[in-house]
Protein backbone atom coordinates (compact mmCIF):
# COMPACT_ATOMS: atom_id res chain seq x y z
CA MET A 1 -41.52 -36.44 28.84
CA GLU A 2 -42.60 -35.70 32.39
CA LEU A 3 -45.11 -33.01 33.10
CA LYS A 4 -44.00 -30.16 35.29
CA GLN A 5 -45.39 -29.86 38.79
CA SER A 6 -48.04 -27.22 39.28
CA SER A 7 -46.61 -23.81 40.06
CA GLY A 8 -48.74 -21.19 41.79
CA ILE A 9 -49.20 -17.56 40.91
CA THR A 10 -50.37 -15.10 43.52
CA ARG A 11 -53.12 -12.59 42.91
CA ARG A 12 -50.54 -9.81 43.28
CA GLN A 13 -48.34 -11.37 40.59
CA PHE A 14 -51.30 -11.95 38.28
CA VAL A 15 -52.56 -8.40 38.60
CA ALA A 16 -49.09 -6.92 38.15
CA ALA A 17 -48.38 -9.03 35.10
CA SER A 18 -51.73 -8.03 33.58
CA ALA A 19 -50.97 -4.32 33.90
CA THR A 20 -49.78 -4.04 30.31
CA THR A 21 -53.02 -5.52 28.99
CA LEU A 22 -55.07 -3.12 31.10
CA ALA A 23 -52.93 -0.19 29.99
CA ALA A 24 -53.43 -1.18 26.36
CA SER A 25 -57.19 -1.36 26.99
CA ALA A 26 -57.19 2.12 28.48
CA PHE A 27 -55.11 3.43 25.58
CA ALA A 28 -57.56 2.00 23.03
CA ARG A 29 -60.57 3.40 24.90
CA GLU A 30 -59.02 6.87 25.10
CA ALA A 31 -58.17 6.80 21.39
CA ARG A 32 -61.74 5.93 20.42
CA ALA A 33 -63.16 8.51 22.85
CA SER A 34 -61.13 11.18 21.06
CA GLY A 35 -62.41 9.97 17.70
CA GLN A 36 -59.08 8.45 16.70
CA SER A 37 -58.11 4.89 15.86
CA PRO A 38 -55.62 3.21 18.19
CA THR A 39 -52.16 3.80 16.71
CA ALA A 40 -48.91 1.94 17.06
CA PRO A 41 -47.02 2.51 20.31
CA ALA A 42 -43.68 4.30 20.20
CA THR A 43 -42.04 0.95 20.90
CA PRO A 44 -43.86 -2.00 19.28
CA PHE A 45 -44.71 -5.00 21.46
CA ARG A 46 -42.35 -7.95 21.02
CA VAL A 47 -44.27 -11.12 20.16
CA ILE A 48 -43.69 -14.66 18.98
CA ILE A 49 -46.54 -16.25 17.02
CA ASP A 50 -46.85 -20.03 17.30
CA THR A 51 -49.14 -21.42 14.62
CA ASP A 52 -50.45 -24.38 12.60
CA PRO A 53 -51.80 -22.81 9.37
CA GLY A 54 -54.79 -23.52 8.88
CA VAL A 55 -57.31 -21.13 7.32
CA ASP A 56 -57.84 -18.83 10.29
CA ASP A 57 -54.16 -19.13 11.24
CA ALA A 58 -53.18 -17.81 7.81
CA LEU A 59 -55.39 -14.75 8.17
CA ALA A 60 -54.15 -14.26 11.75
CA LEU A 61 -50.56 -14.24 10.50
CA LEU A 62 -51.40 -11.74 7.77
CA LEU A 63 -53.18 -9.52 10.31
CA ALA A 64 -50.19 -9.62 12.65
CA MET A 65 -47.73 -8.82 9.88
CA ARG A 66 -49.89 -5.84 8.82
CA SER A 67 -49.99 -4.45 12.38
CA PRO A 68 -47.32 -1.85 13.23
CA GLU A 69 -48.05 -2.34 16.94
CA LEU A 70 -46.16 -5.64 16.79
CA LYS A 71 -42.48 -6.47 16.58
CA ILE A 72 -42.74 -10.08 15.47
CA GLU A 73 -39.55 -11.71 16.72
CA ALA A 74 -40.37 -15.10 15.21
CA ILE A 75 -43.08 -17.31 13.78
CA THR A 76 -42.93 -20.91 14.93
CA ALA A 77 -44.83 -23.71 13.22
CA VAL A 78 -46.41 -26.69 14.96
CA ALA A 79 -48.39 -29.72 13.82
CA GLY A 80 -52.12 -29.33 14.36
CA ASN A 81 -54.69 -28.44 11.73
CA VAL A 82 -52.49 -30.38 9.30
CA PRO A 83 -49.09 -32.06 9.76
CA LEU A 84 -45.92 -29.97 10.20
CA GLU A 85 -44.92 -30.82 6.62
CA LEU A 86 -47.77 -28.52 5.57
CA THR A 87 -48.02 -26.00 8.41
CA LEU A 88 -44.39 -24.96 8.04
CA PRO A 89 -44.50 -24.13 4.31
CA ASN A 90 -47.89 -22.48 4.81
CA ALA A 91 -46.32 -20.17 7.41
CA LEU A 92 -43.43 -19.43 5.05
CA ARG A 93 -45.92 -18.63 2.27
CA MET A 94 -47.75 -16.10 4.44
CA VAL A 95 -44.44 -14.41 5.33
CA GLU A 96 -43.59 -14.06 1.63
CA ILE A 97 -47.05 -12.82 0.69
CA ALA A 98 -46.87 -10.15 3.40
CA GLY A 99 -43.39 -9.11 2.28
CA ARG A 100 -42.03 -9.84 5.75
CA THR A 101 -39.13 -12.15 5.02
CA ASP A 102 -37.26 -10.35 7.81
CA ILE A 103 -39.20 -12.51 10.30
CA PRO A 104 -37.50 -15.82 11.16
CA VAL A 105 -39.69 -18.91 10.81
CA ALA A 106 -38.84 -22.08 12.72
CA ALA A 107 -40.03 -25.68 12.48
CA GLY A 108 -41.56 -27.03 15.66
CA ALA A 109 -43.07 -30.23 16.98
CA LYS A 110 -44.30 -32.88 14.55
CA GLY A 111 -46.70 -34.24 17.12
CA PRO A 112 -48.04 -33.80 20.67
CA LEU A 113 -45.97 -34.50 23.78
CA LEU A 114 -47.60 -37.83 24.63
CA ARG A 115 -50.27 -38.53 22.01
CA ARG A 116 -50.66 -39.34 18.35
CA LEU A 117 -51.46 -36.37 16.16
CA VAL A 118 -55.10 -35.69 15.32
CA THR A 119 -55.51 -33.16 12.51
CA ALA A 120 -58.41 -31.02 11.26
CA ALA A 121 -58.04 -31.55 7.51
CA TYR A 122 -61.80 -32.10 7.50
CA ALA A 123 -62.18 -28.38 8.29
CA HIS A 124 -59.08 -26.87 6.64
CA GLY A 125 -58.66 -29.05 3.58
CA GLU A 126 -55.81 -31.42 2.82
CA ASN A 127 -53.30 -28.58 2.31
CA GLY A 128 -54.50 -26.59 5.35
CA LEU A 129 -55.68 -23.65 3.23
CA GLU A 130 -58.96 -25.14 1.96
CA GLY A 131 -57.33 -25.99 -1.34
CA ALA A 132 -56.14 -22.44 -2.04
CA VAL A 133 -52.88 -22.96 -3.95
CA PHE A 134 -49.88 -20.65 -3.67
CA PRO A 135 -46.35 -21.06 -5.05
CA GLU A 136 -43.81 -23.06 -3.11
CA PRO A 137 -42.03 -20.73 -0.66
CA LYS A 138 -38.59 -19.54 -1.66
CA ILE A 139 -37.39 -18.76 1.85
CA LYS A 140 -36.27 -21.45 4.28
CA PRO A 141 -36.84 -21.92 8.00
CA VAL A 142 -34.04 -21.09 10.41
CA ALA A 143 -31.91 -23.91 11.74
CA GLU A 144 -33.06 -23.67 15.37
CA PRO A 145 -36.04 -25.80 16.42
CA ALA A 146 -39.06 -23.76 17.46
CA ALA A 147 -38.77 -24.44 21.20
CA GLU A 148 -35.11 -23.44 21.22
CA LEU A 149 -35.78 -20.27 19.23
CA ILE A 150 -38.56 -19.33 21.66
CA ARG A 151 -36.18 -19.90 24.56
CA GLN A 152 -33.41 -17.81 22.99
CA ILE A 153 -35.66 -14.86 22.17
CA VAL A 154 -37.37 -14.78 25.57
CA ARG A 155 -33.98 -14.91 27.31
CA LYS A 156 -32.67 -12.15 25.05
CA TYR A 157 -35.60 -9.90 26.01
CA PRO A 158 -36.68 -11.02 29.51
CA GLY A 159 -40.03 -9.61 30.53
CA GLU A 160 -40.69 -8.14 27.07
CA VAL A 161 -41.97 -11.00 24.89
CA THR A 162 -45.63 -12.00 24.64
CA LEU A 163 -46.32 -15.42 23.14
CA ILE A 164 -49.34 -15.67 20.82
CA PRO A 165 -49.99 -19.38 20.24
CA VAL A 166 -52.91 -20.10 17.90
CA GLY A 167 -52.41 -23.86 17.56
CA PRO A 168 -51.68 -26.76 19.92
CA LEU A 169 -49.35 -25.67 22.72
CA THR A 170 -46.67 -28.30 22.12
CA ASN A 171 -43.88 -25.88 21.19
CA ILE A 172 -44.59 -23.59 24.16
CA ALA A 173 -44.70 -26.47 26.63
CA THR A 174 -41.48 -27.92 25.22
CA ALA A 175 -39.71 -24.59 25.66
CA LEU A 176 -40.92 -24.38 29.25
CA ASN A 177 -39.83 -27.95 29.93
CA ILE A 178 -36.28 -27.49 28.63
CA ASP A 179 -35.72 -24.25 30.58
CA SER A 180 -37.14 -24.15 34.10
CA GLU A 181 -36.48 -20.41 34.43
CA LEU A 182 -38.20 -19.41 31.20
CA ALA A 183 -41.76 -18.98 32.51
CA ALA A 184 -40.70 -16.15 34.79
CA MET A 185 -39.23 -14.30 31.79
CA VAL A 186 -42.32 -14.47 29.54
CA LYS A 187 -44.37 -11.29 29.65
CA GLY A 188 -47.64 -13.09 28.93
CA ILE A 189 -49.52 -15.46 26.68
CA VAL A 190 -52.50 -14.56 24.50
CA MET A 191 -53.72 -17.86 23.12
CA MET A 192 -56.47 -19.12 20.89
CA GLY A 193 -57.78 -22.24 22.50
CA GLY A 194 -60.05 -23.69 25.10
CA SER A 195 -63.69 -23.12 25.91
CA LEU A 196 -65.91 -22.83 28.95
CA SER A 197 -69.00 -23.60 26.88
CA GLY A 198 -68.34 -26.89 25.12
CA GLY A 199 -65.99 -28.00 22.39
CA ASN A 200 -65.76 -28.15 18.61
CA ILE A 201 -64.03 -31.51 18.11
CA THR A 202 -65.74 -33.30 21.00
CA PRO A 203 -68.65 -32.04 23.13
CA ALA A 204 -66.10 -31.15 25.79
CA ALA A 205 -62.91 -30.04 24.05
CA GLU A 206 -61.75 -27.27 21.73
CA PHE A 207 -59.43 -28.55 19.01
CA ASN A 208 -56.11 -26.88 19.93
CA VAL A 209 -56.27 -28.10 23.54
CA TYR A 210 -57.66 -31.50 22.53
CA VAL A 211 -54.68 -32.20 20.26
CA ASP A 212 -52.18 -31.81 23.13
CA PRO A 213 -53.90 -31.50 26.51
CA GLU A 214 -50.71 -32.33 28.40
CA ALA A 215 -48.95 -29.38 26.78
CA ALA A 216 -51.90 -27.12 27.55
CA ARG A 217 -51.82 -28.16 31.20
CA ILE A 218 -48.12 -27.31 31.45
CA VAL A 219 -48.83 -23.86 30.03
CA PHE A 220 -51.82 -23.12 32.27
CA GLN A 221 -49.90 -24.24 35.36
CA SER A 222 -46.72 -22.37 34.44
CA GLY A 223 -47.52 -19.15 36.29
CA ILE A 224 -47.38 -17.07 33.09
CA PRO A 225 -50.30 -14.60 32.87
CA ILE A 226 -52.65 -15.99 30.20
CA THR A 227 -55.44 -14.51 28.14
CA MET A 228 -57.54 -17.38 26.83
CA VAL A 229 -59.41 -16.46 23.65
CA GLY A 230 -61.53 -19.55 23.16
CA LEU A 231 -64.77 -20.69 21.59
CA ASP A 232 -66.87 -18.64 24.02
CA ALA A 233 -65.89 -15.59 21.96
CA THR A 234 -64.58 -16.96 18.65
CA ARG A 235 -67.87 -18.66 17.77
CA LYS A 236 -69.16 -15.13 17.09
CA THR A 237 -66.64 -14.34 14.32
CA SER A 238 -68.05 -15.93 11.16
CA LEU A 239 -66.46 -14.75 7.93
CA THR A 240 -69.08 -13.57 5.41
CA GLU A 241 -69.41 -13.00 1.68
CA GLU A 242 -69.31 -9.27 2.30
CA HIS A 243 -65.97 -9.56 4.08
CA VAL A 244 -64.51 -11.55 1.20
CA ARG A 245 -65.80 -9.10 -1.39
CA VAL A 246 -64.08 -6.23 0.42
CA LEU A 247 -60.83 -8.20 0.39
CA GLU A 248 -61.22 -9.10 -3.28
CA ALA A 249 -61.75 -5.43 -4.18
CA ALA A 250 -58.54 -4.37 -2.46
CA GLN A 251 -55.63 -4.67 -4.85
CA ASN A 252 -52.76 -5.80 -2.66
CA PRO A 253 -51.11 -9.22 -2.26
CA VAL A 254 -52.27 -9.68 1.34
CA SER A 255 -55.93 -8.92 0.65
CA GLN A 256 -55.92 -11.10 -2.46
CA ALA A 257 -54.40 -14.06 -0.60
CA ALA A 258 -56.81 -13.63 2.32
CA ALA A 259 -59.76 -13.40 -0.09
CA LYS A 260 -58.66 -16.54 -1.94
CA ILE A 261 -58.41 -18.54 1.29
CA GLY A 262 -61.62 -17.07 2.68
CA ARG A 263 -63.60 -17.70 -0.52
CA ASN A 264 -62.54 -21.36 -0.57
CA ALA A 265 -63.38 -21.75 3.12
CA ILE A 266 -66.86 -20.26 2.71
CA ASN A 267 -67.55 -22.50 -0.29
CA HIS A 268 -66.36 -25.54 1.66
CA ASN A 269 -68.67 -24.69 4.55
CA ARG A 270 -71.61 -24.39 2.17
CA GLU A 271 -70.81 -27.76 0.62
CA ARG A 272 -70.90 -29.29 4.09
CA GLY A 273 -74.30 -27.75 4.78
CA PHE A 274 -73.25 -25.03 7.22
CA LEU A 275 -75.31 -21.84 7.21
CA VAL A 276 -72.38 -19.58 8.12
CA GLY A 277 -68.80 -19.13 7.02
CA PRO A 278 -65.76 -20.27 8.99
CA ASN A 279 -65.01 -18.59 12.29
CA MET A 280 -61.89 -16.45 12.52
CA HIS A 281 -60.74 -18.04 15.76
CA ASP A 282 -57.03 -17.27 15.52
CA SER A 283 -57.40 -13.78 14.09
CA LEU A 284 -59.43 -12.88 17.18
CA ALA A 285 -56.53 -13.81 19.45
CA VAL A 286 -54.22 -11.48 17.50
CA ALA A 287 -56.85 -8.75 17.40
CA GLY A 288 -57.53 -9.19 21.11
CA PHE A 289 -53.87 -8.52 21.80
CA LEU A 290 -53.90 -5.46 19.55
CA ASP A 291 -57.05 -4.11 21.20
CA PRO A 292 -58.18 -5.90 24.39
CA THR A 293 -61.34 -3.78 24.52
CA LEU A 294 -62.72 -5.94 21.71
CA LEU A 295 -63.14 -8.68 24.31
CA THR A 296 -65.15 -9.13 27.49
CA LEU A 297 -62.62 -10.67 29.89
CA ARG A 298 -63.11 -12.30 33.29
CA ASP A 299 -60.63 -13.82 35.73
CA TYR A 300 -60.73 -17.61 36.08
CA TYR A 301 -58.58 -20.38 37.41
CA VAL A 302 -58.34 -22.64 34.33
CA ASP A 303 -57.14 -26.23 34.29
CA VAL A 304 -57.12 -28.90 31.62
CA GLU A 305 -58.56 -32.41 31.74
CA THR A 306 -55.94 -34.91 30.61
CA THR A 307 -57.26 -38.31 31.75
CA GLY A 308 -60.94 -38.33 30.83
CA GLU A 309 -62.00 -40.91 28.24
CA LEU A 310 -64.68 -38.56 26.92
CA THR A 311 -63.39 -35.23 28.20
CA ALA A 312 -59.63 -35.13 27.47
CA GLY A 313 -58.72 -31.62 26.40
CA GLU A 314 -61.61 -29.94 28.20
CA THR A 315 -60.72 -26.61 29.80
CA LEU A 316 -62.38 -26.11 33.18
CA GLY A 317 -62.85 -22.59 34.49
CA TYR A 318 -63.28 -22.00 38.20
CA SER A 319 -64.71 -18.67 39.37
CA PRO A 320 -66.62 -17.64 42.48
CA LEU A 321 -68.66 -15.34 40.25
CA ALA A 322 -69.81 -18.11 37.91
CA GLY A 323 -72.92 -20.22 38.40
CA ASP A 324 -76.58 -19.59 38.99
CA LEU A 325 -76.38 -17.96 42.42
CA LYS A 326 -75.34 -14.31 42.36
CA ARG A 327 -73.48 -12.70 45.25
CA LYS A 328 -74.24 -9.34 46.75
CA PRO A 329 -71.83 -6.50 45.90
CA GLY A 330 -68.68 -6.46 47.99
CA SER A 331 -68.72 -10.15 48.84
CA GLU A 332 -66.54 -11.33 45.95
CA LYS A 333 -63.29 -10.98 47.87
CA GLN A 334 -64.51 -13.22 50.69
CA ALA A 335 -65.78 -15.72 48.11
CA ASN A 336 -62.33 -15.80 46.51
CA MET A 337 -60.74 -16.61 49.85
CA ASN A 338 -63.13 -19.47 50.58
CA MET A 339 -63.48 -21.17 47.20
CA PRO A 340 -61.51 -24.44 46.95
CA ILE A 341 -60.50 -25.85 43.59
CA ARG A 342 -61.91 -29.38 43.51
CA GLY A 343 -61.23 -32.31 41.23
CA SER A 344 -63.19 -35.55 41.08
CA ALA A 345 -64.22 -37.24 44.32
CA PRO A 346 -61.76 -39.92 45.51
CA THR A 347 -62.58 -43.52 44.60
CA LEU A 348 -62.93 -46.35 47.10
CA ALA A 349 -59.90 -48.09 45.60
CA GLY A 350 -57.73 -45.00 45.34
CA THR A 351 -55.17 -43.54 47.71
CA ARG A 352 -56.32 -39.94 47.48
CA THR A 353 -58.06 -38.70 50.57
CA SER A 354 -59.30 -35.32 49.37
CA PRO A 355 -60.79 -33.97 46.15
CA VAL A 356 -59.35 -30.50 46.87
CA LEU A 357 -56.56 -29.61 44.43
CA ARG A 358 -56.00 -26.06 45.72
CA ASP A 359 -57.33 -24.62 48.93
CA LYS A 360 -58.44 -21.29 47.49
CA PHE A 361 -59.27 -19.54 44.23
CA VAL A 362 -56.37 -17.71 42.58
CA PRO A 363 -56.89 -16.79 38.91
CA ASN A 364 -54.32 -17.86 36.34
CA ALA A 365 -56.11 -16.62 33.20
CA LYS A 366 -58.30 -13.92 31.79
CA VAL A 367 -60.93 -15.66 29.70
CA ALA A 368 -62.68 -13.98 26.77
CA LEU A 369 -66.41 -14.52 27.26
CA ASP A 370 -67.67 -12.24 24.50
CA VAL A 371 -66.50 -10.11 21.57
CA ASP A 372 -67.59 -6.98 19.75
CA SER A 373 -67.75 -8.77 16.40
CA ALA A 374 -68.39 -5.68 14.28
CA ARG A 375 -65.34 -3.87 15.64
CA PHE A 376 -63.25 -7.02 15.33
CA PHE A 377 -64.04 -7.36 11.63
CA ASP A 378 -63.46 -3.64 11.09
CA LEU A 379 -59.94 -4.22 12.39
CA LEU A 380 -59.30 -7.53 10.60
CA ILE A 381 -60.71 -6.69 7.18
CA GLY A 382 -59.46 -3.11 7.34
CA ARG A 383 -55.87 -4.20 8.02
CA LEU A 384 -55.90 -6.99 5.41
CA ALA A 385 -57.43 -4.69 2.82
CA GLY A 386 -54.85 -2.02 3.56
CA LYS A 387 -57.43 0.57 4.62
CA HIS A 388 -55.79 1.24 8.00
């Protein structure tokens, strides 16, 4: 499968397409200022959740299905943390546990676009849920493949659907590849993946991007406004004993399932010698969509390394505001105009004559650099426990 050519996005387009996120942030701030919790909008936001459950994926799905702000048009499964033969039934199980069998679930890619599948069973257990056992799902996936279902839904509601991928981006990239007009119809992407501060499967790469870097590059170069919720923020979301005890005390199927998965994951981390529980990476992406003020966001141009022997899957963030040297107030705009996006220097044997990939900085993503962890867990545990 050929990779798409890079497509640009102007600053005007990026800012316009981010207006909904900023409006949601303002809404959440105003609600808290008045002493109220953010409530569901009159018209819920249409979303598709693409996932590879996975411990934190399972809790992210349960959070999404307990959030009235969301109109979940579909859940699409992809191979990642464990093979598709496990991620798909795990997604179906979460739908049944949440009592949301109205949501269509579709089977997606069994492997990356160009690579052999690397899984994370070492972190999520052989069944993807750290050994937590649930009954076989009674419901079945829909007939349409995930990429086709994504394409159909986005075309049915152009400009209204936000994609929330919390696994490798294979399904999203496939949908974009089979429909060249689709990117312009997607409202935005809020993804869990990437890092500007080192990886978790290699020193350079975060797992979801590492599994399918070619797919991630297609997505980042698609022109769709992206919010990247990566390790820079998610490393600060460790699940604790206290969180699990709150879930165990709540007598509802969602809290009990989340507690069972969380308890097993914490025990597994202890057995491996870790001092903290598992991070709720994927739940933070969902929560960050529900309330963007949980996150500290900054504009970056993000690209993905696909050819490095040691760095494949690394996400590189370019910003004139990053680095050791600080600029005086008011000079950022001029810096944006003058900052080229550079790749590696040309080799003596190569045909390239310039290391400049783009002549100026234009952001294609808002990157989460920090998180209010206490407020995040108030939202996550509160929703799963049925408190709000």
